[in-house]
């Protein structure tokens, strides 16, 4: 819908949940929705943790490839169901606390 995108080729990224509390030992899933104003072939998605800006997962995604390579550190899994990427963290530990964000770059 053109109303969502102020400029041609614009990229809109949203995360949910915005904030979540998780018990140590349990798991959590974080979502990142990616909307692009016009057709695209490839984008780079990274999940980053605020502590040291460490990249936890990095993958190049296409609209058709629903099985991204698991380019994540241990205990993390990335799933891609366009337009949504989900980061799952298993067996949460105390040092996993922090802010996580997805960074998306449209490749041309």
C-alpha atoms as a PDB file:
ATOM      1  CA  UNK A   1       0.000   0.000   0.000  1.00  0.00           C
ATOM      2  CA  UNK A   2       1.615   3.318  -1.050  1.00  0.00           C
ATOM      3  CA  UNK A   3       0.391   5.065   2.113  1.00  0.00           C
ATOM      4  CA  UNK A   4       2.779   2.948   4.209  1.00  0.00           C
ATOM      5  CA  UNK A   5       5.858   4.034   2.290  1.00  0.00           C
ATOM      6  CA  UNK A   6       6.768   7.720   2.110  1.00  0.00           C
ATOM      7  CA  UNK A   7       9.319   7.227  -0.676  1.00  0.00           C
ATOM      8  CA  UNK A   8       9.722   4.771  -3.521  1.00  0.00           C
ATOM      9  CA  UNK A   9      11.930   1.874  -2.506  1.00  0.00           C
ATOM     10  CA  UNK A  10      11.393   2.582   1.183  1.00  0.00           C
ATOM     11  CA  UNK A  11      11.820  -0.174   3.721  1.00  0.00           C
ATOM     12  CA  UNK A  12       9.652  -0.535   6.814  1.00  0.00           C
ATOM     13  CA  UNK A  13      10.828  -2.755   9.690  1.00  0.00           C
ATOM     14  CA  UNK A  14       8.925  -3.484  12.890  1.00  0.00           C
ATOM     15  CA  UNK A  15       9.680  -5.769  15.824  1.00  0.00           C
ATOM     16  CA  UNK A  16       7.409  -7.620  18.207  1.00  0.00           C
ATOM     17  CA  UNK A  17       7.174  -8.089  21.036  1.00  0.00           C
ATOM     18  CA  UNK A  18       8.621  -4.713  21.973  1.00  0.00           C
ATOM     19  CA  UNK A  19       9.666  -5.979  25.390  1.00  0.00           C
ATOM     20  CA  UNK A  20       9.407  -9.398  26.989  1.00  0.00           C
ATOM     21  CA  UNK A  21      10.427 -10.953  30.303  1.00  0.00           C
ATOM     22  CA  UNK A  22      11.569 -14.551  30.126  1.00  0.00           C
ATOM     23  CA  UNK A  23      12.352 -17.053  32.871  1.00  0.00           C
ATOM     24  CA  UNK A  24      15.857 -18.541  32.924  1.00  0.00           C
ATOM     25  CA  UNK A  25      15.811 -21.949  31.240  1.00  0.00           C
ATOM     26  CA  UNK A  26      12.809 -21.215  29.030  1.00  0.00           C
ATOM     27  CA  UNK A  27      12.728 -20.056  25.415  1.00  0.00           C
ATOM     28  CA  UNK A  28      11.590 -16.945  23.579  1.00  0.00           C
ATOM     29  CA  UNK A  29      10.784 -15.943  19.992  1.00  0.00           C
ATOM     30  CA  UNK A  30      11.355 -12.403  18.684  1.00  0.00           C
ATOM     31  CA  UNK A  31       9.742 -11.256  15.462  1.00  0.00           C
ATOM     32  CA  UNK A  32      10.904  -8.820  12.806  1.00  0.00           C
ATOM     33  CA  UNK A  33       8.498  -7.847  10.026  1.00  0.00           C
ATOM     34  CA  UNK A  34       9.990  -6.447   6.824  1.00  0.00           C
ATOM     35  CA  UNK A  35       7.841  -4.548   4.329  1.00  0.00           C
ATOM     36  CA  UNK A  36       9.357  -3.235   1.111  1.00  0.00           C
ATOM     37  CA  UNK A  37       7.576  -0.733  -1.157  1.00  0.00           C
ATOM     38  CA  UNK A  38       8.461  -2.486  -4.402  1.00  0.00           C
ATOM     39  CA  UNK A  39       9.574  -5.954  -5.508  1.00  0.00           C
ATOM     40  CA  UNK A  40      12.975  -7.020  -4.204  1.00  0.00           C
ATOM     41  CA  UNK A  41      15.385  -9.892  -4.740  1.00  0.00           C
ATOM     42  CA  UNK A  42      17.681  -9.945  -1.728  1.00  0.00           C
ATOM     43  CA  UNK A  43      17.980  -8.413   1.707  1.00  0.00           C
ATOM     44  CA  UNK A  44      20.439  -8.808   4.530  1.00  0.00           C
ATOM     45  CA  UNK A  45      18.949  -9.322   7.974  1.00  0.00           C
ATOM     46  CA  UNK A  46      20.986  -9.227  11.166  1.00  0.00           C
ATOM     47  CA  UNK A  47      19.893  -9.708  14.759  1.00  0.00           C
ATOM     48  CA  UNK A  48      22.064  -7.637  17.061  1.00  0.00           C
ATOM     49  CA  UNK A  49      22.305  -7.500  20.853  1.00  0.00           C
ATOM     50  CA  UNK A  50      22.883  -4.116  22.458  1.00  0.00           C
ATOM     51  CA  UNK A  51      25.776  -5.354  24.585  1.00  0.00           C
ATOM     52  CA  UNK A  52      28.806  -4.630  22.427  1.00  0.00           C
ATOM     53  CA  UNK A  53      26.578  -4.428  19.318  1.00  0.00           C
ATOM     54  CA  UNK A  54      27.333  -8.096  18.763  1.00  0.00           C
ATOM     55  CA  UNK A  55      25.767  -9.659  15.644  1.00  0.00           C
ATOM     56  CA  UNK A  56      23.964 -12.829  16.759  1.00  0.00           C
ATOM     57  CA  UNK A  57      22.607 -13.892  13.365  1.00  0.00           C
ATOM     58  CA  UNK A  58      23.231 -12.706   9.836  1.00  0.00           C
ATOM     59  CA  UNK A  59      21.525 -14.016   6.724  1.00  0.00           C
ATOM     60  CA  UNK A  60      20.834 -12.993   3.155  1.00  0.00           C
ATOM     61  CA  UNK A  61      17.158 -13.597   2.456  1.00  0.00           C
ATOM     62  CA  UNK A  62      15.043 -13.704  -0.674  1.00  0.00           C
ATOM     63  CA  UNK A  63      11.244 -13.687  -1.000  1.00  0.00           C
ATOM     64  CA  UNK A  64      11.247 -17.248  -2.375  1.00  0.00           C
ATOM     65  CA  UNK A  65      13.847 -18.964  -0.150  1.00  0.00           C
ATOM     66  CA  UNK A  66      12.045 -20.005   3.030  1.00  0.00           C
ATOM     67  CA  UNK A  67      15.003 -21.932   4.427  1.00  0.00           C
ATOM     68  CA  UNK A  68      17.763 -19.478   5.305  1.00  0.00           C
ATOM     69  CA  UNK A  69      21.132 -20.898   6.318  1.00  0.00           C
ATOM     70  CA  UNK A  70      21.365 -21.033  10.096  1.00  0.00           C
ATOM     71  CA  UNK A  71      23.982 -18.332  10.462  1.00  0.00           C
ATOM     72  CA  UNK A  72      23.408 -17.845  14.183  1.00  0.00           C
ATOM     73  CA  UNK A  73      25.450 -18.417  17.280  1.00  0.00           C
ATOM     74  CA  UNK A  74      24.637 -21.427  19.493  1.00  0.00           C
ATOM     75  CA  UNK A  75      21.120 -21.661  21.007  1.00  0.00           C
ATOM     76  CA  UNK A  76      19.670 -19.318  18.374  1.00  0.00           C
ATOM     77  CA  UNK A  77      17.618 -20.191  15.317  1.00  0.00           C
ATOM     78  CA  UNK A  78      16.424 -17.944  12.491  1.00  0.00           C
ATOM     79  CA  UNK A  79      13.190 -18.674  10.614  1.00  0.00           C
ATOM     80  CA  UNK A  80      11.994 -16.771   7.531  1.00  0.00           C
ATOM     81  CA  UNK A  81       8.357 -16.649   6.445  1.00  0.00           C
ATOM     82  CA  UNK A  82       8.074 -13.484   4.330  1.00  0.00           C
ATOM     83  CA  UNK A  83       7.543 -10.813   5.382  1.00  0.00           C
ATOM     84  CA  UNK A  84       8.494 -12.040   8.889  1.00  0.00           C
ATOM     85  CA  UNK A  85      11.807 -13.235  10.316  1.00  0.00           C
ATOM     86  CA  UNK A  86      11.747 -14.895  13.741  1.00  0.00           C
ATOM     87  CA  UNK A  87      14.703 -15.292  16.076  1.00  0.00           C
ATOM     88  CA  UNK A  88      14.244 -18.107  18.593  1.00  0.00           C
ATOM     89  CA  UNK A  89      16.434 -18.335  21.683  1.00  0.00           C
ATOM     90  CA  UNK A  90      16.469 -21.643  23.538  1.00  0.00           C
ATOM     91  CA  UNK A  91      17.452 -22.240  27.159  1.00  0.00           C
ATOM     92  CA  UNK A  92      17.648 -18.596  28.223  1.00  0.00           C
ATOM     93  CA  UNK A  93      20.472 -17.697  30.632  1.00  0.00           C
ATOM     94  CA  UNK A  94      20.934 -14.670  32.853  1.00  0.00           C
ATOM     95  CA  UNK A  95      23.540 -13.149  30.531  1.00  0.00           C
ATOM     96  CA  UNK A  96      21.042 -13.181  27.646  1.00  0.00           C
ATOM     97  CA  UNK A  97      19.333 -10.146  29.188  1.00  0.00           C
ATOM     98  CA  UNK A  98      19.458  -7.058  27.002  1.00  0.00           C
ATOM     99  CA  UNK A  99      17.904  -5.352  24.017  1.00  0.00           C
ATOM    100  CA  UNK A 100      17.778  -7.218  20.725  1.00  0.00           C
ATOM    101  CA  UNK A 101      17.057  -5.550  17.412  1.00  0.00           C
ATOM    102  CA  UNK A 102      16.887  -6.597  13.796  1.00  0.00           C
ATOM    103  CA  UNK A 103      18.813  -4.609  11.227  1.00  0.00           C
ATOM    104  CA  UNK A 104      17.721  -4.919   7.616  1.00  0.00           C
ATOM    105  CA  UNK A 105      19.548  -3.796   4.473  1.00  0.00           C
ATOM    106  CA  UNK A 106      17.990  -4.076   1.031  1.00  0.00           C
ATOM    107  CA  UNK A 107      20.622  -5.292  -1.435  1.00  0.00           C
ATOM    108  CA  UNK A 108      20.516  -4.115  -5.033  1.00  0.00           C
END
